Amino acid sequence: MIKLLGDVAVTSTKAFLQVTVGEEEINHEMSYSRIWKEQNGSLQVVAGHCSTVVS
């Protein structure tokens, strides 16, 4: 999802994370959000968040 608010945009998405760290397997659905702001002619991430989706 992308929501435009003047010179700011909010994005959000979900992704499935499947990785191995050492011998531990991690399998989670994750939700990501970012706040983008136009600065000096380009978009910059000014805030973000990531969390595990709980079913």
C-alpha atoms as a PDB file:
ATOM      1  CA  MET A   1       0.000   0.000   0.000  1.00  0.00           C
ATOM      2  CA  ILE A   2       1.155   3.540  -0.761  1.00  0.00           C
ATOM      3  CA  LYS A   3      -0.630   6.572   0.690  1.00  0.00           C
ATOM      4  CA  LEU A   4       0.456  10.010  -0.587  1.00  0.00           C
ATOM      5  CA  LEU A   5       0.091  12.997   1.746  1.00  0.00           C
ATOM      6  CA  GLY A   6       1.587  16.067   0.069  1.00  0.00           C
ATOM      7  CA  ASP A   7       5.390  15.733   0.127  1.00  0.00           C
ATOM      8  CA  VAL A   8       5.137  12.666   2.411  1.00  0.00           C
ATOM      9  CA  ALA A   9       4.301   9.054   1.498  1.00  0.00           C
ATOM     10  CA  VAL A  10       3.441   6.149   3.791  1.00  0.00           C
ATOM     11  CA  THR A  11       4.162   2.615   2.567  1.00  0.00           C
ATOM     12  CA  SER A  12       3.269  -0.700   4.140  1.00  0.00           C
ATOM     13  CA  THR A  13       3.767  -4.297   3.105  1.00  0.00           C
ATOM     14  CA  LYS A  14       3.858  -7.820   4.509  1.00  0.00           C
ATOM     15  CA  ALA A  15       6.524 -10.390   3.741  1.00  0.00           C
ATOM     16  CA  PHE A  16       7.363 -13.901   4.893  1.00  0.00           C
ATOM     17  CA  LEU A  17      10.831 -14.098   6.458  1.00  0.00           C
ATOM     18  CA  GLN A  18      12.585 -17.467   6.327  1.00  0.00           C
ATOM     19  CA  VAL A  19      16.219 -17.451   7.459  1.00  0.00           C
ATOM     20  CA  THR A  20      18.676 -19.543   9.440  1.00  0.00           C
ATOM     21  CA  VAL A  21      20.794 -17.823  12.085  1.00  0.00           C
ATOM     22  CA  GLY A  22      23.444 -20.200  13.313  1.00  0.00           C
ATOM     23  CA  GLU A  23      21.416 -23.364  13.799  1.00  0.00           C
ATOM     24  CA  GLU A  24      18.105 -21.597  14.515  1.00  0.00           C
ATOM     25  CA  GLU A  25      15.477 -21.402  11.766  1.00  0.00           C
ATOM     26  CA  ILE A  26      13.293 -18.315  11.797  1.00  0.00           C
ATOM     27  CA  ASN A  27       9.974 -18.373   9.911  1.00  0.00           C
ATOM     28  CA  HIS A  28       7.695 -15.378  10.461  1.00  0.00           C
ATOM     29  CA  GLU A  29       5.260 -13.219   8.553  1.00  0.00           C
ATOM     30  CA  MET A  30       6.448  -9.632   9.001  1.00  0.00           C
ATOM     31  CA  SER A  31       4.719  -6.292   8.529  1.00  0.00           C
ATOM     32  CA  TYR A  32       6.830  -3.334   7.390  1.00  0.00           C
ATOM     33  CA  SER A  33       5.934   0.360   7.242  1.00  0.00           C
ATOM     34  CA  ARG A  34       7.976   3.343   6.115  1.00  0.00           C
ATOM     35  CA  ILE A  35       7.401   7.090   6.054  1.00  0.00           C
ATOM     36  CA  TRP A  36       9.067   8.830   3.121  1.00  0.00           C
ATOM     37  CA  LYS A  37       9.599  12.592   2.730  1.00  0.00           C
ATOM     38  CA  GLU A  38      10.837  14.526  -0.245  1.00  0.00           C
ATOM     39  CA  GLN A  39      14.065  16.273   0.702  1.00  0.00           C
ATOM     40  CA  ASN A  40      16.447  18.009  -1.705  1.00  0.00           C
ATOM     41  CA  GLY A  41      14.673  16.544  -4.741  1.00  0.00           C
ATOM     42  CA  SER A  42      14.664  12.890  -3.645  1.00  0.00           C
ATOM     43  CA  LEU A  43      12.667  10.684  -1.316  1.00  0.00           C
ATOM     44  CA  GLN A  44      14.228   9.795   2.024  1.00  0.00           C
ATOM     45  CA  VAL A  45      12.973   7.356   4.675  1.00  0.00           C
ATOM     46  CA  VAL A  46      12.345   9.428   7.808  1.00  0.00           C
ATOM     47  CA  ALA A  47      10.715   6.691   9.937  1.00  0.00           C
ATOM     48  CA  GLY A  48      10.081   2.972   9.771  1.00  0.00           C
ATOM     49  CA  HIS A  49       8.735   0.038  11.703  1.00  0.00           C
ATOM     50  CA  CYS A  50       8.819  -3.740  11.429  1.00  0.00           C
ATOM     51  CA  SER A  51       6.946  -6.296  13.510  1.00  0.00           C
ATOM     52  CA  THR A  52       5.922  -9.940  13.518  1.00  0.00           C
ATOM     53  CA  VAL A  53       2.359 -10.610  12.387  1.00  0.00           C
ATOM     54  CA  VAL A  54       0.499 -12.541  15.097  1.00  0.00           C
ATOM     55  CA  SER A  55      -2.214 -14.863  13.765  1.00  0.00           C
END
